[in-house]
Amino acid sequence: MLEDDGVLHGDFSERVADIVMARAHWDFVRLYSLYRRGARPYCVTAGSRQLNWVACSAMSTLGYLLTRSAAEKLLIHTQDMMFTIDEVIDRHWEHGLRLLVAHPHVVTESALPSVIGDRRKPRLKGQAKVRYKWHRAADKVRRFFFNVKDRPRRVVRLDQRREGTLSNGRRRLLTRS
């Protein structure tokens, strides 16, 4: 999925093909993100692209890849949406998807001004502010435990070779062409 203000890198097709080859390791991959805070390498693809696990918010739906099952899960998860779509996608502790960010980015933002308008959130007061802070703290705890439980411990390194089986049952290496 690409937004209309995204700029594709010259080797866009090659980069995407490389990420798709690592499909077994992700459900949703952002091709661009606004933030890298809390990013940890998860997978290094055959083309030496890094797919990072983001413990916090990556934000941006400028460009992304997702599997069919991830799309189905997000459709169910967004039926009663209370947040922007970026925030809903980033709440990986709720929907349980393996949400990764490609590095280096595969698309970038164009220099055109945004038509979204004012992105500032209104100032909260009184009970609304207390409730907001309470929910943020609870989300941080849930996110922390999800990351402890599900974040990979080691970086997966993929190369251009994969194992195949010969007709006599012996293993051989197949090279991607």
Protein backbone atom coordinates (compact mmCIF):
# COMPACT_ATOMS: atom_id res chain seq x y z
CA MET A 1 0.00 0.00 0.00
CA LEU A 2 1.32 3.43 -0.91
CA GLU A 3 0.02 6.89 -0.20
CA ASP A 4 -0.04 9.38 -3.06
CA ASP A 5 2.66 11.61 -1.55
CA GLY A 6 5.27 8.85 -1.31
CA VAL A 7 8.43 8.93 -3.43
CA LEU A 8 9.78 5.54 -4.54
CA HIS A 9 13.51 4.87 -4.49
CA GLY A 10 15.09 3.98 -7.83
CA ASP A 11 15.51 0.34 -6.80
CA PHE A 12 12.03 0.12 -5.24
CA SER A 13 11.12 -3.18 -6.95
CA GLU A 14 14.36 -4.84 -5.86
CA ARG A 15 13.96 -3.65 -2.27
CA VAL A 16 10.35 -4.85 -2.06
CA ALA A 17 11.22 -8.21 -3.66
CA ASP A 18 13.97 -8.64 -1.06
CA ILE A 19 11.53 -7.94 1.78
CA VAL A 20 8.94 -10.29 0.30
CA MET A 21 11.57 -13.09 0.24
CA ALA A 22 11.69 -12.73 4.04
CA ARG A 23 7.89 -13.08 4.24
CA ALA A 24 8.00 -15.89 6.82
CA HIS A 25 9.35 -13.38 9.37
CA TRP A 26 6.72 -10.59 9.24
CA ASP A 27 3.01 -9.80 9.10
CA PHE A 28 3.28 -6.06 8.42
CA VAL A 29 6.32 -4.07 7.20
CA ARG A 30 6.40 -0.29 7.10
CA LEU A 31 8.42 0.95 4.14
CA TYR A 32 8.85 4.31 5.88
CA SER A 33 8.50 5.48 9.46
CA LEU A 34 8.63 8.79 11.27
CA TYR A 35 10.35 7.43 14.38
CA ARG A 36 13.06 4.87 15.08
CA ARG A 37 12.90 5.03 18.86
CA GLY A 38 13.09 1.55 20.34
CA ALA A 39 13.94 -0.10 16.99
CA ARG A 40 15.94 -3.32 17.20
CA PRO A 41 17.19 -5.41 14.30
CA TYR A 42 14.99 -8.46 13.79
CA CYS A 43 15.88 -9.75 10.33
CA VAL A 44 18.62 -9.01 7.82
CA THR A 45 17.44 -9.95 4.34
CA ALA A 46 19.45 -11.55 1.55
CA GLY A 47 19.93 -8.06 0.06
CA SER A 48 21.31 -6.79 3.40
CA ARG A 49 18.20 -4.79 4.23
CA GLN A 50 17.33 -4.63 7.86
CA LEU A 51 13.83 -5.26 9.18
CA ASN A 52 13.52 -3.74 12.64
CA TRP A 53 11.17 -4.65 15.46
CA VAL A 54 9.82 -1.38 16.84
CA ALA A 55 8.99 -1.53 20.53
CA CYS A 56 7.23 1.84 20.52
CA SER A 57 5.44 3.81 17.85
CA ALA A 58 6.84 4.00 14.32
CA MET A 59 3.92 6.03 12.87
CA SER A 60 3.24 6.69 9.17
CA THR A 61 1.26 4.76 6.63
CA LEU A 62 3.18 6.32 3.73
CA GLY A 63 4.01 2.85 2.46
CA TYR A 64 3.71 -0.66 3.83
CA LEU A 65 3.39 -4.33 2.97
CA LEU A 66 1.03 -6.64 4.79
CA THR A 67 -0.11 -10.20 4.45
CA ARG A 68 -3.68 -11.15 3.73
CA SER A 69 -4.11 -12.58 7.22
CA ALA A 70 -2.73 -9.34 8.72
CA ALA A 71 -5.22 -7.33 6.65
CA GLU A 72 -8.09 -9.54 7.85
CA LYS A 73 -6.95 -9.17 11.46
CA LEU A 74 -6.69 -5.36 11.14
CA LEU A 75 -10.16 -5.17 9.56
CA ILE A 76 -11.62 -6.90 12.59
CA HIS A 77 -9.46 -4.88 14.98
CA THR A 78 -10.47 -1.52 13.45
CA GLN A 79 -14.25 -1.98 13.50
CA ASP A 80 -14.54 0.20 16.61
CA MET A 81 -11.51 2.42 16.04
CA MET A 82 -10.75 5.08 18.64
CA PHE A 83 -7.36 6.18 17.29
CA THR A 84 -5.87 7.23 13.96
CA ILE A 85 -4.98 4.30 11.69
CA ASP A 86 -1.25 4.86 12.37
CA GLU A 87 -1.87 4.48 16.09
CA VAL A 88 -4.09 1.43 15.63
CA ILE A 89 -1.44 -0.32 13.56
CA ASP A 90 1.24 0.56 16.12
CA ARG A 91 -0.75 -1.06 18.95
CA HIS A 92 0.85 -4.41 18.18
CA TRP A 93 0.30 -5.64 21.73
CA GLU A 94 -3.45 -5.59 20.98
CA HIS A 95 -3.61 -7.19 17.53
CA GLY A 96 -0.53 -9.41 17.93
CA LEU A 97 0.94 -8.80 14.46
CA ARG A 98 4.68 -8.92 13.82
CA LEU A 99 5.12 -5.26 12.93
CA LEU A 100 8.50 -4.43 11.39
CA VAL A 101 10.07 -1.36 9.77
CA ALA A 102 12.37 -1.56 6.72
CA HIS A 103 15.73 0.15 7.06
CA PRO A 104 16.87 1.89 4.99
CA HIS A 105 13.44 3.19 4.04
CA VAL A 106 11.99 2.00 0.73
CA VAL A 107 9.89 5.14 0.18
CA THR A 108 10.28 8.71 1.41
CA GLU A 109 7.93 11.65 1.83
CA SER A 110 7.59 14.10 -1.03
CA ALA A 111 8.34 17.76 -0.43
CA LEU A 112 4.68 18.67 -0.99
CA PRO A 113 2.91 20.24 1.98
CA SER A 114 0.46 18.04 3.88
CA VAL A 115 -3.26 18.56 3.43
CA ILE A 116 -4.11 16.75 6.67
CA GLY A 117 -4.24 20.03 8.53
CA ASP A 118 -3.53 20.71 12.18
CA ARG A 119 -2.21 17.55 13.85
CA ARG A 120 -2.06 18.97 17.35
CA LYS A 121 -4.17 17.21 19.92
CA PRO A 122 -6.52 19.29 22.05
CA ARG A 123 -5.39 20.07 25.59
CA LEU A 124 -7.08 17.85 28.11
CA LYS A 125 -8.22 19.05 31.52
CA GLY A 126 -9.52 17.52 34.71
CA GLN A 127 -10.90 13.99 34.55
CA ALA A 128 -10.17 13.61 30.84
CA LYS A 129 -6.48 14.31 31.48
CA VAL A 130 -6.33 11.82 34.37
CA ARG A 131 -8.12 9.15 32.30
CA TYR A 132 -5.77 9.77 29.36
CA LYS A 133 -2.66 9.43 31.55
CA TRP A 134 -4.07 6.27 33.17
CA HIS A 135 -4.71 4.63 29.79
CA ARG A 136 -1.26 5.62 28.50
CA ALA A 137 0.39 4.08 31.56
CA ALA A 138 -1.66 0.88 31.16
CA ASP A 139 -0.73 0.73 27.45
CA LYS A 140 2.96 1.09 28.30
CA VAL A 141 2.76 -1.85 30.69
CA ARG A 142 0.90 -4.05 28.14
CA ARG A 143 3.34 -3.04 25.39
CA PHE A 144 6.32 -3.79 27.62
CA PHE A 145 5.12 -7.32 28.45
CA PHE A 146 4.18 -8.02 24.81
CA ASN A 147 7.68 -6.99 23.71
CA VAL A 148 9.35 -9.05 26.44
CA LYS A 149 7.33 -12.09 25.43
CA ASP A 150 7.31 -11.76 21.63
CA ARG A 151 10.34 -9.72 20.57
CA PRO A 152 12.96 -11.99 19.01
CA ARG A 153 16.12 -12.59 21.00
CA ARG A 154 18.47 -12.95 18.02
CA VAL A 155 18.71 -11.32 14.62
CA VAL A 156 17.61 -13.63 11.80
CA ARG A 157 20.07 -13.45 8.91
CA LEU A 158 18.88 -14.65 5.54
CA ASP A 159 21.19 -15.29 2.63
CA GLN A 160 20.56 -16.03 -1.00
CA ARG A 161 20.84 -19.75 -0.42
CA ARG A 162 18.06 -21.95 0.83
CA GLU A 163 17.92 -25.62 1.48
CA GLY A 164 16.19 -28.01 -0.89
CA THR A 165 15.84 -31.77 -0.91
CA LEU A 166 17.08 -33.99 -3.69
CA SER A 167 14.95 -36.88 -4.91
CA ASN A 168 17.23 -39.30 -3.02
CA GLY A 169 16.46 -37.54 0.28
CA ARG A 170 19.81 -35.72 0.58
CA ARG A 171 19.90 -32.01 1.23
CA ARG A 172 21.40 -29.49 -1.17
CA LEU A 173 21.56 -25.71 -1.28
CA LEU A 174 19.51 -23.90 -3.88
CA THR A 175 20.66 -20.45 -4.98
CA ARG A 176 18.13 -17.72 -5.64
CA SER A 177 18.43 -16.44 -9.22
